[in-house]
C-alpha cells in the first residue's frame, strides 16, 4: 500500500510538475526570434492581391479552392496581421514535407527572463501536417509524447463544436513545400458565418458586447444633432468620453470602457450597424445616421483616424498599422494615391487607442472629455506628400524600408508624440 501511494504521489508530481518545468525552460534572457522583418512596398501589394483573390464574396458554396502562399508572405502575415502582435515575433521555415515554427513573446519584467521562446516542427502526414517535435527554450520534446493529448483534444472539439468538425472536413489538404505552403479547401459560406459568430463570442464576451451597444446607442443619439453639415470629430468624441467617465465613476473599468467606445465609433463611422458585434443593436434599435465628421477639415482623415483606432482596440497597433500601409499601397495602384497625411491620421488613431487602453486610461478620458480641439490628439498635415502613384512613390522613396521613407515616417511619429495627449511617449516597446 505504501509503495502504491508513493507511486501515485510521484506520478502526480510528474503530471503537475512537467508543464511548470517546460514553461520555466522556455523563459530565457535572449529571444529565439530576434527580428520581426519589415514590410516592403511589393509585399503590401501582394498581400492585398492575395486577399482579393480569395475574397469570400466571390466564392460559391461547394467551390474547391487552392491556395499557395510563400514562406515570406506567411512570415509577413504572422508578424503584422496577427492580433496584438506588438510583443510577439514569429519565424516560419518551409521545406519539403516539413514546417519549422519559432515563436518569441516578450514578457513583463521578471527575474527568470525577458522572453518566452517556443518552437515546433510539423511533418507531412498524408494530406495534413502532424506534430513532430516541440521546443521549450533549449529543450526538445518528441511529438509522440504529445500526440495522445492532441488526439483527445481533436476528438473533444469534434464532439462539442460542429464548426470545428466541419472546418476539418472542408480543409482538404495542407502540404508543406520548399518555401511555400499549399492549402486546398472547400468553401462553405454557412460554415464561415458560424465560425465568425463563434469567434466573436470568444473574443467578445457578452459583457463587452453590451458595453459596445451602450456607446453605439450614444453615437446614434448624437448623430441626430450632428448629421448634415460637416462637423469636427471632436464634437462626437467629447460626449463619448464624457459617458465613459460617468460609467467609470459608477464602477466601470477605464480601459474596458475606452475600448468599447472606440469599437463602437469604428462601427458607426464605417457604416456598419454592428448587429453581429454588439448586443442590443438590431432593427428595433435606432441606428446612427450618416455624419460628415472631419479632422483638419477633411472627412477622409476622420475615417482613417476612427477606423484605425477601432482596429487597434480590436487587434493591436501592429495590425492597425499594417492595414493602413496596405491600404495606401493599394491606393497608389489605381486609387487616390499614396498619402502620408492618411498615414498620419491612421497612426494618430492607433496612438489614441494605445493611450486610452493603457495605464493612463482614466486620465485620457478626462483630457478627451475636456478637449480644447483636435490638435490635442491629431497633429497638423503641413508638407506631408499625398497623391503619389506607384511610379512616383518608388522614384521618391524606393521602398517602405528605405532611408528616404524613414525620414517621413520618423516625422509622422515625431508629430504624434508631440501632441499633448500622447506626451511623454507612446506605449511600451520591446524590453
Protein backbone atom coordinates (compact mmCIF):
# COMPACT_ATOMS: atom_id res chain seq x y z
CA UNK A 1 0.00 0.00 0.00
CA UNK A 2 2.82 2.38 0.87
CA UNK A 3 4.53 1.70 -2.45
CA UNK A 4 1.29 2.35 -4.32
CA UNK A 5 0.84 5.69 -2.55
CA UNK A 6 4.43 6.66 -3.29
CA UNK A 7 3.95 5.71 -6.94
CA UNK A 8 0.75 7.75 -7.21
CA UNK A 9 2.41 10.69 -5.49
CA UNK A 10 5.38 10.51 -7.87
CA UNK A 11 3.02 10.27 -10.84
CA UNK A 12 1.11 13.32 -9.59
CA UNK A 13 4.35 15.27 -9.25
CA UNK A 14 5.29 14.37 -12.82
CA UNK A 15 1.89 15.32 -14.23
CA UNK A 16 1.80 18.64 -12.36
CA UNK A 17 5.47 19.43 -12.47
CA UNK A 18 6.24 18.73 -16.14
CA UNK A 19 4.27 21.70 -17.56
CA UNK A 20 5.84 24.00 -14.98
CA UNK A 21 9.32 22.69 -15.81
CA UNK A 22 8.79 23.09 -19.56
CA UNK A 23 7.43 26.63 -19.24
CA UNK A 24 10.32 27.55 -16.97
CA UNK A 25 12.74 26.14 -19.58
CA UNK A 26 11.04 28.29 -22.25
CA UNK A 27 11.71 31.54 -20.36
CA UNK A 28 15.12 32.87 -21.45
CA UNK A 29 17.14 36.06 -21.46
CA UNK A 30 17.58 36.15 -25.27
CA UNK A 31 14.83 35.97 -27.94
CA UNK A 32 14.62 32.94 -30.22
CA UNK A 33 13.29 35.19 -33.00
CA UNK A 34 15.37 38.34 -32.98
CA UNK A 35 13.80 40.37 -35.80
CA UNK A 36 10.25 40.95 -36.98
CA UNK A 37 11.18 41.92 -40.52
CA UNK A 38 9.71 44.97 -42.23
CA UNK A 39 7.04 45.14 -44.90
CA UNK A 40 8.19 46.09 -48.37
CA UNK A 41 6.12 48.01 -50.92
CA UNK A 42 5.63 44.99 -53.17
CA UNK A 43 4.85 42.83 -50.11
CA UNK A 44 1.89 45.03 -49.24
CA UNK A 45 0.59 44.91 -52.80
CA UNK A 46 0.98 41.13 -52.94
CA UNK A 47 -0.90 40.61 -49.68
CA UNK A 48 -3.71 42.82 -50.96
CA UNK A 49 -3.89 40.82 -54.21
CA UNK A 50 -3.94 37.56 -52.27
CA UNK A 51 -6.86 38.78 -50.17
CA UNK A 52 -8.73 39.90 -53.27
CA UNK A 53 -8.15 36.55 -54.96
CA UNK A 54 -9.70 34.70 -52.01
CA UNK A 55 -12.43 37.24 -51.25
CA UNK A 56 -15.26 35.09 -49.83
CA UNK A 57 -17.82 37.27 -51.60
CA UNK A 58 -16.53 35.92 -54.92
CA UNK A 59 -16.66 32.23 -53.93
CA UNK A 60 -19.62 29.91 -54.36
CA UNK A 61 -20.79 27.24 -51.93
CA UNK A 62 -19.04 23.94 -52.56
CA UNK A 63 -16.29 25.53 -54.65
CA UNK A 64 -12.91 23.86 -54.14
CA UNK A 65 -10.18 26.47 -53.99
CA UNK A 66 -6.41 26.08 -53.96
CA UNK A 67 -4.04 28.49 -52.27
CA UNK A 68 -0.24 28.54 -52.45
CA UNK A 69 1.35 31.08 -50.12
CA UNK A 70 5.08 31.67 -49.81
CA UNK A 71 7.02 31.39 -46.57
CA UNK A 72 7.91 35.09 -46.85
CA UNK A 73 4.23 36.07 -47.09
CA UNK A 74 3.31 33.78 -44.19
CA UNK A 75 6.01 35.35 -42.03
CA UNK A 76 4.76 38.79 -43.04
CA UNK A 77 1.19 37.89 -42.10
CA UNK A 78 2.23 36.29 -38.81
CA UNK A 79 4.32 39.29 -37.76
CA UNK A 80 1.99 42.10 -38.87
CA UNK A 81 -1.55 40.77 -39.12
CA UNK A 82 -1.80 38.58 -36.01
CA UNK A 83 -3.89 40.41 -33.40
CA UNK A 84 -1.84 42.02 -30.63
CA UNK A 85 1.44 41.34 -32.37
CA UNK A 86 3.40 44.14 -30.70
CA UNK A 87 5.16 41.83 -28.26
CA UNK A 88 5.39 38.64 -30.26
CA UNK A 89 7.60 37.50 -33.13
CA UNK A 90 7.18 34.55 -35.46
CA UNK A 91 9.55 32.82 -37.85
CA UNK A 92 8.40 30.08 -40.22
CA UNK A 93 10.64 27.93 -42.43
CA UNK A 94 9.13 25.56 -45.02
CA UNK A 95 10.85 22.54 -46.53
CA UNK A 96 9.56 19.55 -48.48
CA UNK A 97 7.12 17.87 -46.08
CA UNK A 98 8.27 19.91 -43.08
CA UNK A 99 7.44 23.20 -41.38
CA UNK A 100 9.57 24.69 -38.59
CA UNK A 101 7.94 27.38 -36.45
CA UNK A 102 9.73 29.58 -33.92
CA UNK A 103 7.91 31.93 -31.59
CA UNK A 104 9.07 34.59 -29.11
CA UNK A 105 6.89 36.51 -26.67
CA UNK A 106 8.26 39.49 -24.75
CA UNK A 107 7.37 39.11 -21.07
CA UNK A 108 6.78 41.68 -18.34
CA UNK A 109 9.79 42.30 -16.10
CA UNK A 110 10.58 39.21 -14.01
CA UNK A 111 13.70 37.57 -12.50
CA UNK A 112 13.56 34.48 -14.77
CA UNK A 113 13.98 36.06 -18.18
CA UNK A 114 12.61 38.56 -20.66
CA UNK A 115 11.36 36.19 -23.37
CA UNK A 116 9.19 33.11 -23.72
CA UNK A 117 10.69 31.00 -26.54
CA UNK A 118 8.74 28.15 -28.14
CA UNK A 119 9.27 26.12 -31.30
CA UNK A 120 7.55 23.33 -33.19
CA UNK A 121 8.36 21.04 -36.09
CA UNK A 122 5.43 19.85 -38.19
CA UNK A 123 5.83 16.89 -40.52
CA UNK A 124 3.76 15.80 -43.50
CA UNK A 125 1.30 13.01 -42.72
CA UNK A 126 -0.79 12.33 -45.81
CA UNK A 127 -2.79 15.46 -46.62
CA UNK A 128 -2.15 17.04 -43.22
CA UNK A 129 0.72 18.14 -41.02
CA UNK A 130 1.32 16.45 -37.67
CA UNK A 131 3.45 17.45 -34.71
CA UNK A 132 6.96 16.03 -34.94
CA UNK A 133 8.67 17.95 -32.17
CA UNK A 134 8.07 20.69 -29.60
CA UNK A 135 10.71 23.02 -28.22
CA UNK A 136 10.67 24.90 -24.91
CA UNK A 137 13.72 27.14 -24.95
CA UNK A 138 16.63 24.75 -25.48
CA UNK A 139 14.61 21.65 -24.51
CA UNK A 140 13.34 19.44 -27.36
CA UNK A 141 10.44 17.05 -26.75
CA UNK A 142 9.42 14.42 -29.36
CA UNK A 143 5.95 14.91 -30.76
CA UNK A 144 4.78 11.37 -29.98
CA UNK A 145 4.64 12.32 -26.30
CA UNK A 146 2.05 15.00 -27.08
CA UNK A 147 0.13 13.26 -29.87
CA UNK A 148 -2.21 11.33 -27.50
CA UNK A 149 -3.28 14.65 -25.95
CA UNK A 150 -3.69 16.19 -29.40
CA UNK A 151 -5.87 13.25 -30.44
CA UNK A 152 -8.02 13.64 -27.31
CA UNK A 153 -8.34 17.40 -27.91
CA UNK A 154 -9.30 16.81 -31.56
CA UNK A 155 -11.94 14.28 -30.53
CA UNK A 156 -13.34 16.63 -27.88
CA UNK A 157 -13.55 19.54 -30.33
CA UNK A 158 -15.26 17.43 -32.98
CA UNK A 159 -17.85 16.20 -30.48
CA UNK A 160 -18.64 19.56 -28.89
CA UNK A 161 -18.07 22.09 -31.69
CA UNK A 162 -19.76 21.38 -35.01
CA UNK A 163 -17.87 24.28 -36.62
CA UNK A 164 -14.54 22.62 -35.88
CA UNK A 165 -15.66 19.26 -37.30
CA UNK A 166 -16.98 20.94 -40.47
CA UNK A 167 -13.81 23.00 -40.81
CA UNK A 168 -11.60 19.93 -40.65
CA UNK A 169 -13.77 18.33 -43.35
CA UNK A 170 -13.63 21.44 -45.55
CA UNK A 171 -9.83 21.63 -45.22
CA UNK A 172 -8.86 19.01 -47.78
CA UNK A 173 -5.08 19.44 -47.90
CA UNK A 174 -2.28 21.24 -46.10
CA UNK A 175 1.06 20.49 -47.76
CA UNK A 176 4.49 21.84 -46.87
CA UNK A 177 6.63 22.56 -49.93
CA UNK A 178 10.04 24.20 -50.28
CA UNK A 179 9.47 27.87 -49.32
CA UNK A 180 5.68 27.63 -49.68
CA UNK A 181 2.54 26.14 -48.16
CA UNK A 182 -0.23 24.66 -50.30
CA UNK A 183 -3.79 24.64 -48.96
CA UNK A 184 -6.84 23.13 -50.66
CA UNK A 185 -10.25 23.87 -49.13
CA UNK A 186 -13.94 23.67 -49.94
CA UNK A 187 -15.71 26.97 -49.44
CA UNK A 188 -18.85 26.83 -47.31
CA UNK A 189 -20.44 30.22 -46.65
CA UNK A 190 -22.63 28.91 -43.83
CA UNK A 191 -19.55 27.48 -42.10
CA UNK A 192 -17.71 30.79 -42.45
CA UNK A 193 -20.60 32.64 -40.82
CA UNK A 194 -20.80 30.14 -37.96
CA UNK A 195 -17.05 30.37 -37.35
CA UNK A 196 -17.25 34.16 -37.38
CA UNK A 197 -20.09 34.11 -34.87
CA UNK A 198 -18.24 31.62 -32.64
CA UNK A 199 -15.05 33.70 -32.82
CA UNK A 200 -16.88 36.88 -31.87
CA UNK A 201 -18.42 35.09 -28.91
CA UNK A 202 -14.98 34.01 -27.72
CA UNK A 203 -13.15 37.30 -28.38
CA UNK A 204 -16.01 39.50 -27.21
CA UNK A 205 -17.86 38.13 -24.18
CA UNK A 206 -21.46 39.18 -23.65
CA UNK A 207 -20.47 41.91 -21.18
CA UNK A 208 -18.19 43.51 -23.78
CA UNK A 209 -20.89 43.33 -26.43
CA UNK A 210 -23.37 45.06 -24.14
CA UNK A 211 -20.80 47.74 -23.40
CA UNK A 212 -20.25 48.39 -27.12
CA UNK A 213 -24.02 48.63 -27.59
CA UNK A 214 -24.24 51.37 -24.97
CA UNK A 215 -21.67 53.52 -26.78
CA UNK A 216 -23.19 52.83 -30.17
CA UNK A 217 -26.54 53.96 -28.77
CA UNK A 218 -24.93 57.21 -27.61
CA UNK A 219 -23.44 57.70 -31.09
CA UNK A 220 -26.89 57.18 -32.59
CA UNK A 221 -28.30 59.82 -30.23
CA UNK A 222 -25.55 62.30 -31.09
CA UNK A 223 -25.97 61.64 -34.82
CA UNK A 224 -29.45 63.23 -34.70
CA UNK A 225 -27.77 66.53 -33.88
CA UNK A 226 -24.58 66.13 -35.90
CA UNK A 227 -25.98 64.70 -39.17
CA UNK A 228 -25.94 67.02 -42.16
CA UNK A 229 -23.24 69.70 -42.30
CA UNK A 230 -19.54 68.85 -41.81
CA UNK A 231 -18.57 68.87 -38.14
CA UNK A 232 -15.35 68.11 -36.28
CA UNK A 233 -14.91 64.60 -34.93
CA UNK A 234 -14.18 66.32 -31.62
CA UNK A 235 -17.91 67.12 -31.31
CA UNK A 236 -18.61 63.38 -31.10
CA UNK A 237 -15.57 62.28 -29.11
CA UNK A 238 -16.24 64.68 -26.24
CA UNK A 239 -19.69 63.31 -25.26
CA UNK A 240 -18.47 59.74 -25.77
CA UNK A 241 -15.58 60.18 -23.35
CA UNK A 242 -17.93 62.05 -21.01
CA UNK A 243 -20.13 58.95 -20.97
CA UNK A 244 -17.06 56.76 -20.38
CA UNK A 245 -16.04 58.87 -17.39
CA UNK A 246 -19.55 58.71 -15.95
CA UNK A 247 -19.65 54.93 -16.27
CA UNK A 248 -16.24 54.64 -14.60
CA UNK A 249 -17.49 56.79 -11.73
CA UNK A 250 -20.16 54.12 -11.24
CA UNK A 251 -17.68 51.25 -11.17
CA UNK A 252 -16.64 50.84 -14.82
CA UNK A 253 -13.06 49.93 -15.75
CA UNK A 254 -11.46 52.79 -17.77
CA UNK A 255 -9.53 50.52 -20.17
CA UNK A 256 -12.61 48.43 -20.98
CA UNK A 257 -14.91 51.45 -21.34
CA UNK A 258 -12.47 53.19 -23.68
CA UNK A 259 -12.06 50.05 -25.78
CA UNK A 260 -15.83 49.67 -26.18
CA UNK A 261 -16.09 53.37 -27.07
CA UNK A 262 -13.50 53.06 -29.86
CA UNK A 263 -15.04 49.87 -31.25
CA UNK A 264 -18.49 51.46 -31.36
CA UNK A 265 -17.02 54.56 -33.04
CA UNK A 266 -15.36 52.41 -35.70
CA UNK A 267 -18.61 50.58 -36.36
CA UNK A 268 -20.57 53.80 -36.76
CA UNK A 269 -18.05 55.59 -38.98
CA UNK A 270 -17.55 52.55 -41.21
CA UNK A 271 -21.31 52.49 -41.76
CA UNK A 272 -21.84 49.14 -40.02
CA UNK A 273 -24.92 48.55 -37.88
CA UNK A 274 -22.85 46.34 -35.61
CA UNK A 275 -25.66 43.82 -35.20
CA UNK A 276 -23.29 40.86 -35.00
CA UNK A 277 -20.80 42.61 -32.74
CA UNK A 278 -22.78 44.48 -30.13
CA UNK A 279 -25.71 43.25 -28.08
CA UNK A 280 -28.81 45.38 -28.40
CA UNK A 281 -28.02 46.82 -31.84
CA UNK A 282 -30.73 45.44 -34.10
CA UNK A 283 -33.56 46.58 -36.33
CA UNK A 284 -35.60 47.56 -33.27
CA UNK A 285 -32.95 49.99 -32.02
CA UNK A 286 -32.08 53.31 -33.59
CA UNK A 287 -29.17 53.27 -35.99
CA UNK A 288 -26.59 56.03 -36.25
CA UNK A 289 -27.39 58.48 -39.03
CA UNK A 290 -24.66 59.24 -41.59
CA UNK A 291 -22.46 62.04 -40.26
CA UNK A 292 -19.92 64.20 -42.09
CA UNK A 293 -17.25 64.11 -39.40
CA UNK A 294 -13.94 65.80 -40.16
CA UNK A 295 -10.36 66.15 -38.92
CA UNK A 296 -8.33 69.08 -40.17
CA UNK A 297 -11.43 69.90 -42.22
CA UNK A 298 -11.31 66.57 -44.10
CA UNK A 299 -13.80 63.72 -43.71
CA UNK A 300 -11.34 61.13 -45.09
CA UNK A 301 -8.95 61.81 -42.21
CA UNK A 302 -11.73 61.35 -39.64
CA UNK A 303 -12.48 57.94 -41.14
CA UNK A 304 -8.81 56.92 -41.15
CA UNK A 305 -8.41 58.06 -37.55
CA UNK A 306 -11.53 56.41 -36.14
CA UNK A 307 -11.27 53.12 -38.02
CA UNK A 308 -7.56 52.72 -37.18
CA UNK A 309 -8.35 53.40 -33.52
CA UNK A 310 -11.02 50.69 -33.64
CA UNK A 311 -8.68 48.23 -35.36
CA UNK A 312 -6.01 48.87 -32.74
CA UNK A 313 -8.58 48.42 -29.97
CA UNK A 314 -9.72 45.14 -31.51
CA UNK A 315 -6.42 43.62 -32.59
CA UNK A 316 -3.48 45.76 -31.51
CA UNK A 317 -1.41 48.53 -33.05
CA UNK A 318 0.72 46.29 -35.29
CA UNK A 319 -2.38 45.01 -37.09
CA UNK A 320 -3.85 48.50 -37.47
CA UNK A 321 -0.55 49.92 -38.80
CA UNK A 322 -0.19 47.07 -41.32
CA UNK A 323 -3.73 47.56 -42.64
CA UNK A 324 -3.09 51.29 -43.01
CA UNK A 325 0.07 50.78 -45.07
CA UNK A 326 -1.55 48.10 -47.26
CA UNK A 327 -4.46 50.48 -47.93
CA UNK A 328 -2.11 53.28 -49.05
CA UNK A 329 -0.10 50.95 -51.31
CA UNK A 330 -3.34 49.80 -52.90
CA UNK A 331 -4.41 53.43 -53.41
CA UNK A 332 -1.13 54.11 -55.23
CA UNK A 333 -2.02 51.42 -57.77
CA UNK A 334 -5.18 52.94 -59.15
CA UNK A 335 -6.84 54.88 -56.33
CA UNK A 336 -6.27 58.32 -54.88
CA UNK A 337 -2.54 57.72 -54.46
CA UNK A 338 -0.26 57.04 -51.50
CA UNK A 339 -0.94 59.63 -48.80
CA UNK A 340 1.33 60.30 -45.83
CA UNK A 341 -1.45 62.51 -44.43
CA UNK A 342 -3.72 59.45 -44.34
CA UNK A 343 -0.95 57.51 -42.61
CA UNK A 344 -0.62 60.29 -40.05
CA UNK A 345 -4.34 60.00 -39.27
CA UNK A 346 -4.01 56.20 -39.07
CA UNK A 347 -1.09 56.41 -36.64
CA UNK A 348 -2.80 59.08 -34.53
CA UNK A 349 -5.87 56.83 -34.21
CA UNK A 350 -3.62 53.95 -33.14
CA UNK A 351 -1.89 56.23 -30.63
CA UNK A 352 -5.25 57.20 -29.14
CA UNK A 353 -6.19 53.51 -28.75
CA UNK A 354 -2.83 52.68 -27.14
CA UNK A 355 -3.14 55.55 -24.70
CA UNK A 356 -6.85 55.03 -23.96
CA UNK A 357 -6.31 51.34 -23.17
CA UNK A 358 -3.08 51.82 -21.24
CA UNK A 359 -2.18 52.72 -17.64
CA UNK A 360 -3.34 56.31 -18.15
CA UNK A 361 -6.82 55.31 -19.39
CA UNK A 362 -8.67 57.37 -16.78
CA UNK A 363 -6.53 60.44 -17.46
CA UNK A 364 -7.18 60.07 -21.21
CA UNK A 365 -10.92 60.18 -20.51
CA UNK A 366 -10.55 63.43 -18.59
CA UNK A 367 -8.43 65.07 -21.28
CA UNK A 368 -10.67 63.94 -24.14
CA UNK A 369 -13.96 64.96 -22.47
CA UNK A 370 -12.47 68.43 -21.91
CA UNK A 371 -10.53 68.58 -25.17
CA UNK A 372 -9.99 72.12 -26.41
CA UNK A 373 -9.75 70.94 -30.02
CA UNK A 374 -8.41 68.40 -32.49
CA UNK A 375 -4.79 69.44 -32.01
CA UNK A 376 -4.80 67.71 -28.63
CA UNK A 377 -4.79 64.30 -30.37
CA UNK A 378 -4.36 64.98 -34.11
CA UNK A 379 -1.17 66.62 -35.49
CA UNK A 380 -1.01 69.04 -38.41
CA UNK A 381 -0.59 67.86 -42.01
CA UNK A 382 1.72 70.52 -43.41
CA UNK A 383 4.23 69.40 -46.08
CA UNK A 384 3.27 65.71 -45.95
CA UNK A 385 3.25 64.29 -49.52
CA UNK A 386 -0.06 63.00 -50.89
CA UNK A 387 -1.49 61.54 -54.09
CA UNK A 388 1.65 59.59 -55.03
CA UNK A 389 1.02 56.95 -57.66
CA UNK A 390 3.19 53.83 -57.75
CA UNK A 391 5.94 55.09 -60.08
CA UNK A 392 6.10 58.45 -58.26
CA UNK A 393 6.34 56.71 -54.89
CA UNK A 394 9.14 54.36 -55.98
CA UNK A 395 11.04 57.18 -57.64
CA UNK A 396 10.90 59.31 -54.49
CA UNK A 397 11.10 56.68 -51.73
CA UNK A 398 12.18 53.39 -53.37
CA UNK A 399 10.59 51.18 -50.70
CA UNK A 400 8.95 51.12 -47.27
CA UNK A 401 12.26 50.36 -45.56
CA UNK A 402 14.38 52.94 -47.37
CA UNK A 403 16.16 55.79 -45.60
CA UNK A 404 14.09 58.35 -47.52
CA UNK A 405 10.81 56.78 -46.44
CA UNK A 406 12.11 56.52 -42.88
CA UNK A 407 12.60 60.30 -42.78
CA UNK A 408 8.90 60.91 -43.41
CA UNK A 409 7.88 58.04 -41.14
CA UNK A 410 10.01 59.47 -38.32
CA UNK A 411 8.48 62.92 -38.87
CA UNK A 412 5.00 61.41 -38.54
CA UNK A 413 5.94 59.75 -35.26
CA UNK A 414 7.54 63.00 -34.01
CA UNK A 415 4.36 64.94 -34.67
CA UNK A 416 2.22 62.36 -32.89
CA UNK A 417 4.47 62.17 -29.84
CA UNK A 418 4.37 65.96 -29.59
CA UNK A 419 0.57 66.02 -29.39
CA UNK A 420 -0.44 66.97 -25.82
CA UNK A 421 -2.47 63.77 -25.36
CA UNK A 422 0.43 61.43 -26.09
CA UNK A 423 3.26 63.02 -24.11
CA UNK A 424 5.73 61.90 -22.86
CA UNK A 425 5.66 58.94 -25.32
CA UNK A 426 3.78 56.13 -26.97
CA UNK A 427 3.05 52.86 -25.18
CA UNK A 428 5.66 50.26 -24.37
CA UNK A 429 8.01 48.65 -26.82
CA UNK A 430 10.26 45.64 -26.55
CA UNK A 431 12.30 45.42 -23.35
